[in-house]
Amino acid sequence: DGKGGVAGVGLTYDLIERHRDTQPWTVSVVVRRTWTDAGARTDVSFDVTVPLAMFFGTRIPAPEDGGASSE
């Protein structure tokens, strides 16, 4: 039952331009400072987020004018 705490700060960046037909990848860096009765520790984490939807193909929007389809 020690005492302590944690504080952190992070930065996230999109690697792909966002629009309605994309799934953005993001890169994050987080710095955390943890302190307890036993001492202090600083952690740095690096995270890349890749959407699983990208492995199942891309979304193809339906024709808006009711024109020819691919059948």
Protein backbone atom coordinates (compact mmCIF):
# COMPACT_ATOMS: atom_id res chain seq x y z
CA ASP A 1 0.00 0.00 0.00
CA GLY A 2 2.43 2.62 -1.15
CA LYS A 3 1.72 6.09 -2.37
CA GLY A 4 2.48 7.50 -5.79
CA GLY A 5 1.19 8.96 -8.97
CA VAL A 6 1.67 9.27 -12.70
CA ALA A 7 1.73 12.18 -15.14
CA GLY A 8 2.16 12.04 -18.89
CA VAL A 9 2.13 13.99 -22.10
CA GLY A 10 1.79 12.74 -25.66
CA LEU A 11 1.81 13.69 -29.32
CA THR A 12 -0.16 12.02 -32.14
CA TYR A 13 0.28 12.53 -35.89
CA ASP A 14 -1.85 11.24 -38.81
CA LEU A 15 0.25 9.61 -41.52
CA ILE A 16 -2.52 9.55 -44.16
CA GLU A 17 -4.65 12.49 -45.27
CA ARG A 18 -8.17 12.10 -43.92
CA HIS A 19 -11.14 12.03 -46.26
CA ARG A 20 -14.28 9.90 -46.39
CA ASP A 21 -12.72 6.88 -48.16
CA THR A 22 -9.52 6.52 -46.08
CA GLN A 23 -8.63 4.92 -42.79
CA PRO A 24 -5.83 6.99 -41.22
CA TRP A 25 -2.69 5.51 -39.72
CA THR A 26 -1.44 7.35 -36.65
CA VAL A 27 1.87 7.53 -34.83
CA SER A 28 1.93 8.45 -31.14
CA VAL A 29 4.73 9.17 -28.68
CA VAL A 30 3.90 9.36 -24.97
CA VAL A 31 6.23 10.29 -22.09
CA ARG A 32 5.12 9.26 -18.60
CA ARG A 33 6.65 9.97 -15.21
CA THR A 34 5.68 7.57 -12.44
CA TRP A 35 6.64 7.96 -8.82
CA THR A 36 6.03 5.69 -5.84
CA ASP A 37 7.43 5.19 -2.36
CA ALA A 38 10.02 2.90 -3.95
CA GLY A 39 11.31 5.54 -6.39
CA ALA A 40 10.59 7.28 -9.68
CA ARG A 41 10.56 6.00 -13.25
CA THR A 42 10.24 7.67 -16.66
CA ASP A 43 8.76 5.74 -19.61
CA VAL A 44 8.58 6.63 -23.29
CA SER A 45 6.20 4.69 -25.53
CA PHE A 46 5.92 4.70 -29.32
CA ASP A 47 2.71 3.47 -30.93
CA VAL A 48 1.64 2.99 -34.56
CA THR A 49 -2.09 2.49 -35.11
CA VAL A 50 -3.07 0.68 -38.30
CA PRO A 51 -6.81 0.21 -38.98
CA LEU A 52 -7.78 -3.44 -39.49
CA ALA A 53 -10.24 -2.40 -42.22
CA MET A 54 -7.30 -1.80 -44.58
CA PHE A 55 -6.71 -5.57 -44.73
CA PHE A 56 -10.26 -6.23 -45.99
CA GLY A 57 -10.12 -4.02 -49.08
CA THR A 58 -11.21 -0.47 -49.71
CA ARG A 59 -14.71 0.88 -49.76
CA ILE A 60 -16.02 1.63 -53.26
CA PRO A 61 -18.76 4.25 -53.25
CA ALA A 62 -21.95 3.55 -55.23
CA PRO A 63 -22.58 5.66 -58.35
CA GLU A 64 -24.42 8.84 -57.37
CA ASP A 65 -26.16 9.40 -60.71
CA GLY A 66 -27.79 5.94 -60.92
CA GLY A 67 -25.67 5.21 -63.97
CA ALA A 68 -24.09 1.96 -65.10
CA SER A 69 -23.00 -0.51 -62.46
CA SER A 70 -20.24 -3.12 -62.62
CA GLU A 71 -22.68 -6.06 -63.17
